[in-house]
Amino acid sequence: MKKILTIIILFFVFSTLYGQRTSTEYDSLTLHYYNIGNWDSVLIVGNDALKKDVDFFYLRSRMGYAAFSQTHYRKSVRHFEKAFQMNSYDDFVKYYLYLAYKNAGMTSEANSFGNKLSEAAKKDLQYEIPFISDFYLEVGLGIADSKAKQIPKKESFLVTKRSNKMMYYGIMGFNHNLGKNISLFHVYSNYQMSDLDMYGNQYQKDEVPIKTSINQYYFSPNFRLFKRTVFNPFFHLSNINTQISFPTFVITPGLDPKFQFKTKDTTIFDFAYGANLFHYTRFGGVSAGLSMNQFGGINTFQQNIGFLWYPLITNKLYFKTDIQHLMGKGFASKSQFNFEQIAGFSITENLWSELFWVHGDITGSNMSNGYLLYNGLHRQKEMYGLKFSFYTPKANFFIRSQYAQFENDYVKFEMGQIEYYNTINFNKISIIGGLLWKL
């Protein structure tokens, strides 16, 4: 019985020893699969080695190249960074780590790392940091509201309704590189909107046009603070000019009020300033931001937290979530939450699509495109749509269609007194297109 137990124990001991590969065996196996281009096997054997606490330079460099060849760029970055820590002089590792950063969308890391490339690699990769790197152009057109509500005949008092008619805007901007760790993005935008106020009752109806023009400037430097962490302060200035007509009421006892209109130009200077912090992680990234906003004469303190998530090994599917909290200055009870969700996916190698949804009272807030205050003077409650982007080596062309729901007040007048008693909802479809040109 003792002999049988001894044989069984020895069998398990020798089986365990036989099953444990040495670093030399892992080196030979990964080199074999690497030479024949069997990238799956390189990664399988390499992961087995890492689980057994076997780690060395050539293992990481082969695993990095295998992941890169399968377009698993974020995984490739992880392995090449380890290889670079082990040998910071190897040109092969530096070459593909730079490309992995670029393909993973980690532009700030790529720009910072590029100086470590050899002169031959810089020439081959055409590495340079030009003063003006990108030109940005965007134009948008809002289609007139086709479901304008009419004043009911049963109303015996005066009411007003504002209906959004037409909207268009244009954006032009540049991105400047001020060094390997600093860049600057700034844009100018112009927003034009035509509205229609309707005053009337069952006896008298008048339509009064309203025109709004918003000139905006957005300034945002980008600082790479340290590895995988980017800091973005920003300043946003808006000059809003509105041409609006105010009614003058003539009250006659026993008769309905009569009204006349006077046109007045008003100019409002709005602004926002704040900062965002973004950190790349293995799953994607996380961001946090603070800002002070003054839009429409209302001051708000805003906090944002965002998440970027790649659920697949490749970058061909991603989700972006942004949660926003706004609090009126000195009035905590007037706080509100907004929510933005984006889902992006690859259709072909060059064609991408995004689905997006924004929910909440986002009027007077800075959403992810903070350089354009496109919600104007109306309360914007909901927005969703679809975006297509086509990528070439020199440019990114995109077109976006969005459906937005707005809200405004129904107003009634009783003997010259104003009483808000209801709201009007109206919708707008916008078609937006543009490009990002790499200079």
Protein backbone atom coordinates (compact mmCIF):
# COMPACT_ATOMS: atom_id res chain seq x y z
CA MET A 1 0.00 0.00 0.00
CA LYS A 2 2.87 2.35 0.88
CA LYS A 3 4.56 1.59 -2.46
CA ILE A 4 1.37 2.45 -4.36
CA LEU A 5 1.03 5.79 -2.53
CA THR A 6 4.68 6.58 -3.19
CA ILE A 7 4.28 5.85 -6.93
CA ILE A 8 1.16 8.06 -7.12
CA ILE A 9 2.93 10.94 -5.34
CA LEU A 10 5.99 10.64 -7.57
CA PHE A 11 3.74 10.55 -10.65
CA PHE A 12 2.07 13.84 -9.71
CA VAL A 13 5.41 15.45 -8.82
CA PHE A 14 7.02 14.49 -12.15
CA SER A 15 3.84 15.46 -14.05
CA THR A 16 3.87 18.90 -12.43
CA LEU A 17 7.56 19.42 -13.10
CA TYR A 18 7.17 18.24 -16.67
CA GLY A 19 4.19 20.53 -17.24
CA GLN A 20 6.01 23.66 -16.05
CA ARG A 21 7.80 25.35 -18.93
CA THR A 22 10.97 27.30 -18.40
CA SER A 23 11.55 30.83 -19.72
CA THR A 24 13.74 29.29 -22.43
CA GLU A 25 10.85 27.10 -23.59
CA TYR A 26 8.46 30.07 -23.61
CA ASP A 27 11.07 32.00 -25.58
CA SER A 28 11.37 29.21 -28.17
CA LEU A 29 7.63 28.70 -28.50
CA THR A 30 6.73 32.38 -28.91
CA LEU A 31 9.62 32.85 -31.37
CA HIS A 32 8.36 29.90 -33.44
CA TYR A 33 4.78 31.20 -33.58
CA TYR A 34 6.06 34.74 -34.19
CA ASN A 35 8.15 33.65 -37.18
CA ILE A 36 5.21 31.86 -38.84
CA GLY A 37 2.78 34.69 -38.05
CA ASN A 38 0.50 32.69 -35.75
CA TRP A 39 -0.50 35.67 -33.60
CA ASP A 40 -3.19 33.86 -31.60
CA SER A 41 -0.66 31.28 -30.41
CA VAL A 42 1.90 33.96 -29.54
CA LEU A 43 -0.67 35.59 -27.25
CA ILE A 44 -1.93 32.31 -25.77
CA VAL A 45 1.57 31.10 -24.91
CA GLY A 46 2.58 34.57 -23.74
CA ASN A 47 -0.41 34.89 -21.40
CA ASP A 48 0.37 31.45 -19.99
CA ALA A 49 3.91 32.60 -19.29
CA LEU A 50 2.72 35.76 -17.53
CA LYS A 51 0.38 33.70 -15.35
CA LYS A 52 3.42 31.65 -14.29
CA ASP A 53 5.36 34.87 -13.46
CA VAL A 54 7.61 34.41 -16.48
CA ASP A 55 8.22 37.80 -18.08
CA PHE A 56 11.06 39.06 -20.28
CA PHE A 57 11.74 41.61 -23.00
CA TYR A 58 11.29 39.44 -26.10
CA LEU A 59 8.10 37.90 -24.73
CA ARG A 60 6.53 41.36 -24.33
CA SER A 61 7.77 42.68 -27.67
CA ARG A 62 6.38 39.62 -29.53
CA MET A 63 3.06 39.84 -27.69
CA GLY A 64 2.91 43.57 -28.46
CA TYR A 65 3.47 42.97 -32.17
CA ALA A 66 0.98 40.09 -32.23
CA ALA A 67 -1.69 42.29 -30.64
CA PHE A 68 -0.82 45.14 -33.03
CA SER A 69 -1.15 42.81 -36.04
CA GLN A 70 -4.64 41.87 -34.86
CA THR A 71 -5.55 45.59 -34.45
CA HIS A 72 -5.81 45.15 -30.67
CA TYR A 73 -4.03 48.46 -30.19
CA ARG A 74 -4.80 49.10 -26.54
CA LYS A 75 -3.49 45.63 -25.64
CA SER A 76 -0.48 46.27 -27.88
CA VAL A 77 0.26 49.48 -25.97
CA ARG A 78 0.28 47.58 -22.68
CA HIS A 79 2.80 44.98 -23.88
CA PHE A 80 5.08 47.42 -25.72
CA GLU A 81 5.16 49.73 -22.69
CA LYS A 82 6.39 46.80 -20.58
CA ALA A 83 8.99 45.94 -23.20
CA PHE A 84 10.12 49.59 -23.32
CA GLN A 85 10.57 49.59 -19.54
CA MET A 86 12.85 46.56 -19.90
CA ASN A 87 14.87 47.96 -22.81
CA SER A 88 14.37 51.63 -23.68
CA TYR A 89 16.97 51.48 -26.49
CA ASP A 90 15.23 49.00 -28.77
CA ASP A 91 14.14 50.80 -31.97
CA PHE A 92 11.62 48.10 -32.94
CA VAL A 93 9.69 48.51 -29.69
CA LYS A 94 9.78 52.32 -29.87
CA TYR A 95 8.59 52.27 -33.49
CA TYR A 96 5.53 50.12 -32.81
CA LEU A 97 4.73 51.64 -29.44
CA TYR A 98 4.44 55.00 -31.19
CA LEU A 99 2.13 53.48 -33.83
CA ALA A 100 0.10 51.70 -31.15
CA TYR A 101 -0.43 55.02 -29.33
CA LYS A 102 -1.57 56.65 -32.58
CA ASN A 103 -3.96 53.85 -33.54
CA ALA A 104 -5.38 53.61 -30.03
CA GLY A 105 -6.36 57.30 -30.19
CA MET A 106 -3.81 58.32 -27.55
CA THR A 107 -2.56 61.30 -29.54
CA SER A 108 -1.02 63.17 -26.61
CA GLU A 109 1.00 60.07 -25.66
CA ALA A 110 2.15 59.60 -29.27
CA ASN A 111 3.27 63.24 -29.59
CA SER A 112 5.18 63.04 -26.34
CA PHE A 113 6.78 59.68 -27.14
CA GLY A 114 7.73 60.59 -30.71
CA ASN A 115 10.92 62.37 -29.64
CA LYS A 116 12.29 59.02 -28.45
CA LEU A 117 12.21 57.59 -31.99
CA SER A 118 15.39 57.19 -33.98
CA GLU A 119 16.02 59.65 -36.80
CA ALA A 120 15.37 56.89 -39.34
CA ALA A 121 12.05 56.04 -37.67
CA LYS A 122 11.01 59.71 -37.56
CA LYS A 123 11.67 59.99 -41.27
CA ASP A 124 9.85 56.75 -42.07
CA LEU A 125 6.84 57.67 -39.93
CA GLN A 126 6.94 61.30 -41.08
CA TYR A 127 6.95 62.30 -37.45
CA GLU A 128 6.67 66.00 -36.88
CA ILE A 129 4.70 68.34 -34.65
CA PRO A 130 3.61 71.24 -36.88
CA PHE A 131 2.51 74.53 -35.34
CA ILE A 132 -0.93 74.20 -36.98
CA SER A 133 -1.92 70.54 -37.03
CA ASP A 134 -5.67 70.55 -37.72
CA PHE A 135 -8.30 72.71 -39.36
CA TYR A 136 -11.88 72.20 -38.14
CA LEU A 137 -15.04 73.21 -40.01
CA GLU A 138 -18.66 72.48 -39.11
CA VAL A 139 -21.96 73.81 -40.50
CA GLY A 140 -25.50 73.11 -39.33
CA LEU A 141 -29.02 73.76 -40.59
CA GLY A 142 -32.18 73.48 -38.50
CA ILE A 143 -35.40 72.66 -40.33
CA ALA A 144 -38.44 74.78 -39.45
CA ASP A 145 -40.91 73.41 -36.93
CA SER A 146 -43.70 71.80 -38.98
CA LYS A 147 -46.04 71.22 -36.02
CA ALA A 148 -46.65 74.78 -34.82
CA LYS A 149 -49.68 74.89 -32.56
CA GLN A 150 -52.38 77.42 -33.35
CA ILE A 151 -54.17 79.56 -30.81
CA PRO A 152 -57.44 77.78 -29.90
CA LYS A 153 -60.60 79.64 -30.94
CA LYS A 154 -62.11 79.15 -27.49
CA GLU A 155 -59.44 81.34 -25.92
CA SER A 156 -60.94 84.75 -25.11
CA PHE A 157 -57.70 86.16 -23.71
CA LEU A 158 -54.45 87.11 -25.40
CA VAL A 159 -51.79 84.44 -25.66
CA THR A 160 -48.28 84.34 -27.06
CA LYS A 161 -46.37 81.42 -28.47
CA ARG A 162 -42.82 81.29 -29.69
CA SER A 163 -42.13 78.82 -32.48
CA ASN A 164 -38.62 78.08 -33.67
CA LYS A 165 -38.57 78.58 -37.46
CA MET A 166 -35.08 78.33 -38.98
CA MET A 167 -31.60 77.90 -37.57
CA TYR A 168 -28.13 77.67 -39.04
CA TYR A 169 -24.60 78.01 -37.75
CA GLY A 170 -20.99 77.69 -38.79
CA ILE A 171 -17.84 76.81 -36.86
CA MET A 172 -14.21 77.31 -37.87
CA GLY A 173 -11.27 76.38 -35.69
CA PHE A 174 -7.61 75.40 -35.52
CA ASN A 175 -5.47 73.15 -33.36
CA HIS A 176 -1.94 74.39 -32.63
CA ASN A 177 0.96 72.40 -31.24
CA LEU A 178 3.03 74.44 -28.80
CA GLY A 179 5.36 71.60 -27.84
CA LYS A 180 5.39 67.86 -27.39
CA ASN A 181 3.13 68.10 -24.31
CA ILE A 182 1.08 71.22 -25.06
CA SER A 183 -1.49 72.00 -27.74
CA LEU A 184 -4.17 74.66 -28.22
CA PHE A 185 -7.62 74.34 -29.77
CA HIS A 186 -9.65 77.47 -30.46
CA VAL A 187 -12.73 78.09 -32.59
CA TYR A 188 -15.04 80.85 -33.71
CA SER A 189 -18.72 80.11 -34.30
CA ASN A 190 -21.75 82.05 -35.50
CA TYR A 191 -25.28 80.93 -34.72
CA GLN A 192 -28.34 82.42 -36.45
CA MET A 193 -31.94 81.71 -35.47
CA SER A 194 -35.28 83.06 -36.72
CA ASP A 195 -38.29 82.78 -34.43
CA LEU A 196 -41.91 83.77 -34.59
CA ASP A 197 -43.94 85.11 -31.70
CA MET A 198 -47.69 84.87 -32.10
CA TYR A 199 -49.95 87.27 -30.21
CA GLY A 200 -53.70 86.94 -30.45
CA ASN A 201 -57.15 85.88 -29.42
CA GLN A 202 -60.30 85.02 -31.34
CA TYR A 203 -60.51 88.60 -32.67
CA GLN A 204 -56.92 89.63 -33.33
CA LYS A 205 -53.80 87.72 -34.30
CA ASP A 206 -50.34 89.07 -35.03
CA GLU A 207 -47.13 87.28 -35.92
CA VAL A 208 -43.94 89.03 -34.84
CA PRO A 209 -40.55 87.85 -36.17
CA ILE A 210 -37.59 87.54 -33.82
CA LYS A 211 -33.98 87.24 -34.95
CA THR A 212 -31.07 86.00 -32.84
CA SER A 213 -27.39 86.12 -33.73
CA ILE A 214 -24.76 84.55 -31.46
CA ASN A 215 -21.02 85.04 -32.02
CA GLN A 216 -18.87 82.74 -29.92
CA TYR A 217 -15.20 82.15 -29.25
CA TYR A 218 -13.87 79.05 -27.52
CA PHE A 219 -10.28 78.73 -26.28
CA SER A 220 -8.89 75.49 -24.80
CA PRO A 221 -5.22 74.53 -24.25
CA ASN A 222 -4.33 70.89 -23.75
CA PHE A 223 -1.61 69.90 -21.27
CA ARG A 224 -0.21 66.40 -20.90
CA LEU A 225 0.47 66.44 -17.17
CA PHE A 226 2.02 63.00 -16.91
CA LYS A 227 1.64 59.55 -18.42
CA ARG A 228 -1.89 59.01 -19.83
CA THR A 229 -3.31 62.10 -18.14
CA VAL A 230 -4.45 65.24 -19.99
CA PHE A 231 -5.62 68.54 -18.48
CA ASN A 232 -7.92 70.86 -20.48
CA PRO A 233 -8.80 74.32 -19.13
CA PHE A 234 -11.18 76.32 -21.35
CA PHE A 235 -12.82 79.71 -21.77
CA HIS A 236 -16.02 80.30 -23.75
CA LEU A 237 -17.32 83.78 -24.65
CA SER A 238 -20.69 84.48 -26.33
CA ASN A 239 -22.09 87.72 -27.70
CA ILE A 240 -25.85 87.30 -28.17
CA ASN A 241 -27.79 89.91 -30.15
CA THR A 242 -31.58 89.54 -30.25
CA GLN A 243 -34.07 91.67 -32.19
CA ILE A 244 -37.38 91.27 -30.41
CA SER A 245 -40.76 93.04 -30.40
CA PHE A 246 -42.58 93.91 -27.17
CA PRO A 247 -46.36 94.38 -27.08
CA THR A 248 -48.02 97.54 -25.78
CA PHE A 249 -51.56 96.99 -24.44
CA VAL A 250 -54.50 99.34 -24.71
CA ILE A 251 -57.14 98.46 -22.10
CA THR A 252 -60.74 99.55 -22.86
CA PRO A 253 -63.46 98.68 -20.33
CA GLY A 254 -65.83 96.07 -21.72
CA LEU A 255 -63.61 95.27 -24.70
CA ASP A 256 -60.73 92.87 -25.29
CA PRO A 257 -57.28 94.42 -24.93
CA LYS A 258 -55.66 95.74 -28.08
CA PHE A 259 -51.93 95.60 -28.56
CA GLN A 260 -49.20 97.20 -30.62
CA PHE A 261 -45.54 96.26 -31.03
CA LYS A 262 -42.21 97.98 -30.62
CA THR A 263 -38.97 96.44 -31.84
CA LYS A 264 -35.92 96.49 -29.56
CA ASP A 265 -32.36 95.22 -29.96
CA THR A 266 -30.79 93.57 -26.93
CA THR A 267 -27.18 92.42 -26.48
CA ILE A 268 -26.08 89.90 -23.86
CA PHE A 269 -22.52 88.86 -23.06
CA ASP A 270 -22.37 85.30 -21.77
CA PHE A 271 -19.34 83.27 -20.78
CA ALA A 272 -18.16 80.01 -19.26
CA TYR A 273 -14.80 78.92 -17.91
CA GLY A 274 -13.58 75.71 -16.36
CA ALA A 275 -11.34 72.69 -16.81
CA ASN A 276 -11.50 68.97 -17.53
CA LEU A 277 -9.13 66.16 -16.58
CA PHE A 278 -8.95 62.98 -18.68
CA HIS A 279 -7.05 59.79 -17.83
CA TYR A 280 -6.58 56.84 -20.21
CA THR A 281 -7.26 53.47 -18.61
CA ARG A 282 -7.10 49.87 -19.79
CA PHE A 283 -10.83 49.84 -20.55
CA GLY A 284 -10.89 53.31 -22.16
CA GLY A 285 -10.79 56.41 -20.01
CA VAL A 286 -12.39 58.48 -17.29
CA SER A 287 -12.84 62.25 -17.08
CA ALA A 288 -13.96 64.86 -14.57
CA GLY A 289 -14.62 68.56 -14.99
CA LEU A 290 -15.77 71.75 -13.30
CA SER A 291 -17.01 75.00 -14.80
CA MET A 292 -18.77 78.26 -14.04
CA ASN A 293 -21.40 79.24 -16.61
CA GLN A 294 -23.30 82.44 -17.22
CA PHE A 295 -25.84 81.89 -19.98
CA GLY A 296 -28.91 84.05 -20.37
CA GLY A 297 -28.00 86.03 -17.27
CA ILE A 298 -28.18 82.90 -15.09
CA ASN A 299 -25.09 81.75 -13.18
CA THR A 300 -24.57 78.03 -12.65
CA PHE A 301 -21.81 75.89 -11.18
CA GLN A 302 -21.37 72.72 -13.25
CA GLN A 303 -19.69 69.39 -12.53
CA ASN A 304 -19.12 66.61 -15.06
CA ILE A 305 -17.96 63.04 -14.85
CA GLY A 306 -17.49 60.92 -17.94
CA PHE A 307 -16.53 57.40 -18.96
CA LEU A 308 -15.09 56.02 -22.19
CA TRP A 309 -15.45 52.25 -22.48
CA TYR A 310 -14.25 49.79 -25.14
CA PRO A 311 -16.10 46.53 -24.39
CA LEU A 312 -14.24 44.59 -27.11
CA ILE A 313 -10.53 43.90 -27.47
CA THR A 314 -10.49 46.03 -30.61
CA ASN A 315 -11.43 49.71 -30.80
CA LYS A 316 -14.33 48.96 -33.14
CA LEU A 317 -17.02 49.52 -30.51
CA TYR A 318 -17.09 52.11 -27.77
CA PHE A 319 -19.47 53.80 -25.35
CA LYS A 320 -19.15 57.32 -23.94
CA THR A 321 -21.21 58.40 -20.95
CA ASP A 322 -21.31 61.90 -19.51
CA ILE A 323 -23.22 62.80 -16.34
CA GLN A 324 -23.64 66.48 -15.65
CA HIS A 325 -24.84 68.32 -12.57
CA LEU A 326 -25.74 72.02 -12.58
CA MET A 327 -26.43 74.09 -9.51
CA GLY A 328 -27.63 77.67 -9.45
CA LYS A 329 -25.13 79.89 -7.69
CA GLY A 330 -26.22 80.12 -4.08
CA PHE A 331 -29.38 78.08 -4.71
CA ALA A 332 -28.67 74.39 -4.11
CA SER A 333 -32.38 73.59 -4.42
CA LYS A 334 -32.26 74.52 -8.12
CA SER A 335 -29.84 71.77 -9.04
CA GLN A 336 -30.43 69.56 -12.09
CA PHE A 337 -28.86 66.53 -13.72
CA ASN A 338 -28.24 65.96 -17.43
CA PHE A 339 -27.19 62.75 -19.11
CA GLU A 340 -25.43 62.08 -22.43
CA GLN A 341 -24.83 58.65 -23.94
CA ILE A 342 -22.91 57.86 -27.15
CA ALA A 343 -22.42 54.48 -28.81
CA GLY A 344 -19.88 54.33 -31.64
CA PHE A 345 -19.03 51.43 -33.90
CA SER A 346 -17.09 50.61 -37.05
CA ILE A 347 -19.01 49.83 -40.25
CA THR A 348 -15.91 49.48 -42.44
CA GLU A 349 -12.28 50.31 -41.83
CA ASN A 350 -12.86 53.95 -42.83
CA LEU A 351 -16.56 54.42 -42.08
CA TRP A 352 -17.79 54.83 -38.51
CA SER A 353 -21.14 55.61 -36.97
CA GLU A 354 -22.32 57.09 -33.67
CA LEU A 355 -25.69 56.98 -31.97
CA PHE A 356 -26.20 59.67 -29.32
CA TRP A 357 -28.84 60.65 -26.79
CA VAL A 358 -28.94 63.67 -24.48
CA HIS A 359 -31.57 63.98 -21.74
CA GLY A 360 -32.33 66.78 -19.29
CA ASP A 361 -32.75 70.54 -19.30
CA ILE A 362 -29.47 71.23 -21.06
CA THR A 363 -30.18 74.93 -21.73
CA GLY A 364 -27.38 77.06 -20.36
CA SER A 365 -24.99 74.13 -19.91
CA ASN A 366 -21.72 73.04 -21.51
CA MET A 367 -22.14 69.66 -23.14
CA SER A 368 -19.28 67.77 -24.79
CA ASN A 369 -19.21 70.27 -27.68
CA GLY A 370 -18.81 73.19 -25.30
CA TYR A 371 -17.45 75.40 -28.08
CA LEU A 372 -21.00 75.88 -29.44
CA LEU A 373 -23.98 77.04 -27.42
CA TYR A 374 -26.44 75.86 -30.04
CA ASN A 375 -29.52 75.56 -27.83
CA GLY A 376 -29.98 79.33 -27.95
CA LEU A 377 -32.83 80.94 -26.03
CA HIS A 378 -35.13 77.93 -25.79
CA ARG A 379 -35.23 75.23 -23.12
CA GLN A 380 -33.84 72.11 -24.73
CA LYS A 381 -35.09 68.95 -23.05
CA GLU A 382 -34.02 66.06 -25.26
CA MET A 383 -31.78 65.35 -28.22
CA TYR A 384 -30.86 62.21 -30.09
CA GLY A 385 -29.56 61.35 -33.51
CA LEU A 386 -27.05 59.58 -35.74
CA LYS A 387 -23.62 60.56 -37.00
CA PHE A 388 -21.50 59.07 -39.80
CA SER A 389 -17.75 59.72 -40.07
CA PHE A 390 -15.47 58.83 -42.96
CA TYR A 391 -11.75 58.77 -42.24
CA THR A 392 -8.93 59.28 -44.73
CA PRO A 393 -5.22 59.73 -43.96
CA LYS A 394 -5.63 63.52 -44.17
CA ALA A 395 -9.21 64.26 -43.14
CA ASN A 396 -12.26 63.20 -41.19
CA PHE A 397 -15.56 63.98 -42.93
CA PHE A 398 -18.79 63.69 -40.95
CA ILE A 399 -22.51 64.28 -41.24
CA ARG A 400 -24.96 64.24 -38.35
CA SER A 401 -28.73 64.28 -38.12
CA GLN A 402 -30.27 65.16 -34.78
CA TYR A 403 -33.79 65.46 -33.44
CA ALA A 404 -34.28 67.91 -30.58
CA GLN A 405 -37.25 68.61 -28.33
CA PHE A 406 -37.69 72.15 -27.05
CA GLU A 407 -39.98 73.70 -24.49
CA ASN A 408 -41.41 77.20 -24.15
CA ASP A 409 -44.03 78.95 -22.11
CA TYR A 410 -47.65 79.56 -23.00
CA VAL A 411 -48.54 83.01 -21.72
CA LYS A 412 -51.95 84.52 -21.05
CA PHE A 413 -52.83 88.13 -20.35
CA GLU A 414 -55.69 89.12 -18.05
CA MET A 415 -56.36 92.89 -18.06
CA GLY A 416 -52.71 93.60 -18.78
CA GLN A 417 -51.41 91.13 -16.19
CA ILE A 418 -49.22 88.24 -17.34
CA GLU A 419 -49.83 84.74 -16.06
CA TYR A 420 -47.78 81.71 -17.15
CA TYR A 421 -50.02 78.71 -17.11
CA ASN A 422 -48.76 76.13 -19.56
CA THR A 423 -45.82 75.09 -21.72
CA ILE A 424 -45.50 74.43 -25.43
CA ASN A 425 -43.31 71.66 -26.79
CA PHE A 426 -41.92 71.83 -30.30
CA ASN A 427 -39.37 69.79 -32.19
CA LYS A 428 -36.54 70.50 -34.57
CA ILE A 429 -34.56 68.34 -36.97
CA SER A 430 -31.04 69.53 -37.74
CA ILE A 431 -28.62 68.39 -40.42
CA ILE A 432 -24.98 69.02 -39.56
CA GLY A 433 -21.85 68.35 -41.56
CA GLY A 434 -18.16 69.16 -41.34
CA LEU A 435 -14.57 68.03 -41.55
CA LEU A 436 -11.35 67.88 -39.56
CA TRP A 437 -8.44 68.43 -41.93
CA LYS A 438 -4.92 67.43 -40.90
CA LEU A 439 -2.47 70.02 -42.16
